[in-house]
Amino acid sequence: MLKMRSRKKGFTLIELLVVIAIIAILIALLLPAVQQAREAARRSQCRNNLKQIGLALHNYHDVFNRFPNTVMSWTTPYPNGCPAWIFSRGHSWKVSILPYLDQAPMFNSIDILNTGFNACVGLGNMGPTTPTGIARNTLLSVLVCPSDSTDPNAFANEKPANYAAAVRARADRGHDEMVVAATEPQDLGILTRAGSNFKDIKDGSSNTIAVGELWRGKKFERTDGAVPTAAGPATPTTNLDRQRGRDWMQDTAYGQCNAGVVRDTTLSATDANNPNQFRQIWRINDPKRDQVGWTDPNDGGNNGGRPVASEHTGGAQALFGDGSVRFVSENVDGIGWANTFTRNGGETNVAQF
C-alpha cells in the first residue's frame, strides 16, 4: 500500500507581507534610537572639545597672567603702511593656545611675524606648501563639532572651526573696545582684542561666557557697514552662506559670536534686570541669517548679528570662564543670556543653565 507523502506548508504571500511589515516597523522604531545615540555621542565629543579649549585658555592664563587676545599682536594702526583698519596680521587666539592643545610642533611651524591675512602683512608667505600654509590647511578635530555636517573642505587651503570667541553682547557694535564711546555701556566679554584677565571678570567667571558654538552651515550675509537696530537685522548686500568659521587660523568676524542683542534707548536704563537696555534680535539657533558689517581679513572690529548656533537639537553649547561647559537652550531668556556675555556689566539677571 502506497503511503501518502505529507505536503510541507510554506508561507503564504499574505504571511510574508505581514512579516516584512513587522520588520519594517521594528526598523522604523529602532532607527531614531540609533540616531539619538549617535547624536548624544557627537554632542559629548563637542562638549569634550570645549572642555579642552577651556583648559588650554586657563593654562595660557597661568603662564601669561592673561587670556589670549582674539587677534595676536595688534596695534593701531599697523605700522608698515597698511590701511588704517588693519590692526594686526590676523592670527587667531586659537593659534595662541596651540601649545596647550598638544599642538606645540604646529605652533612652532607657524611664522607669526612674517605671515598674515592681507597682502601688506605677508599673505604671500602663507602659500599651501609653506609651513604656515600647511598648518592652516590642517583640520584640528578639537576645533570642530562632529554634529556639524558642513563640508570641512569647502574652501581651498584652509580648514574650519566651530568654536568662536564671545567678544561682546551687542550686535550693533564692533568689538573694538578702544573706540567705545564713554557714554555707552561696556558689554565686552573675556576674549577681546585688547585682552583681559581674571581680575577683569567682575561678574564672575562662572557667569561669563568665553567661547560659543557656531554652525558653519548657517546662512550668513554682509551688510557693508549697516548695523542692526531695535527694528531688526540690517539690509544685506552680499550672500556669504556657509562661511562662518571658515578658517581656524584667522580671527575675523567670520569666527566670532555675540548675544544677538542691540541697545534700545526706548527701554528703561534703570531696570536692574536690563541696565544695558538690551533688546534681543537673534536668539540661539535663530533661523534668521547671521550678519557681519564687513569681511575684513585682519579683524577690523566688525559689528553684526552672530548668535551662538549649532546643529544640536534644541540649543548649543558654550564654554564659560570657569572652564565649565553648558548646553544652552534656544529658548533661554534673551536678556539673561546677553548678560552672560558681559564680564563687567553688573547685571542681576543672568541666565541659569
Foldseek 3Di string as FASTA:
>chain_A
DDDDDDDDDDDDPVNVVVVVVVVVVVVVVVVVVVVVVVLVVLQVLLQVLLLLVLQLQVVLCVVVVFGDAQAPDFDQPPPPPDPRLFGALFFGSVLVSCVSSVNVVLNVQAPRQQPGDDVSRHPVQLDCVGSNLVSQQDEDPSFDRPLQPDDQCPDPSHGFGFKAFAFFAAQQWFSPPVPDDPPAADTGAQHHNVTGHPVLLPVDQVQAFTMFTARLQAWEFEQQQDTADLVAGHDGDGTDGSQQRNTNGGREPSGHAHLQWHADVVDDCPPLQAVNRTDHHAFEQRNDHWYWHDGDRRYSRIGTHHHGYDSDPFFTWTATRVSHIDTDGSPWDSSLPNNNNGSPRNHPRHTDD
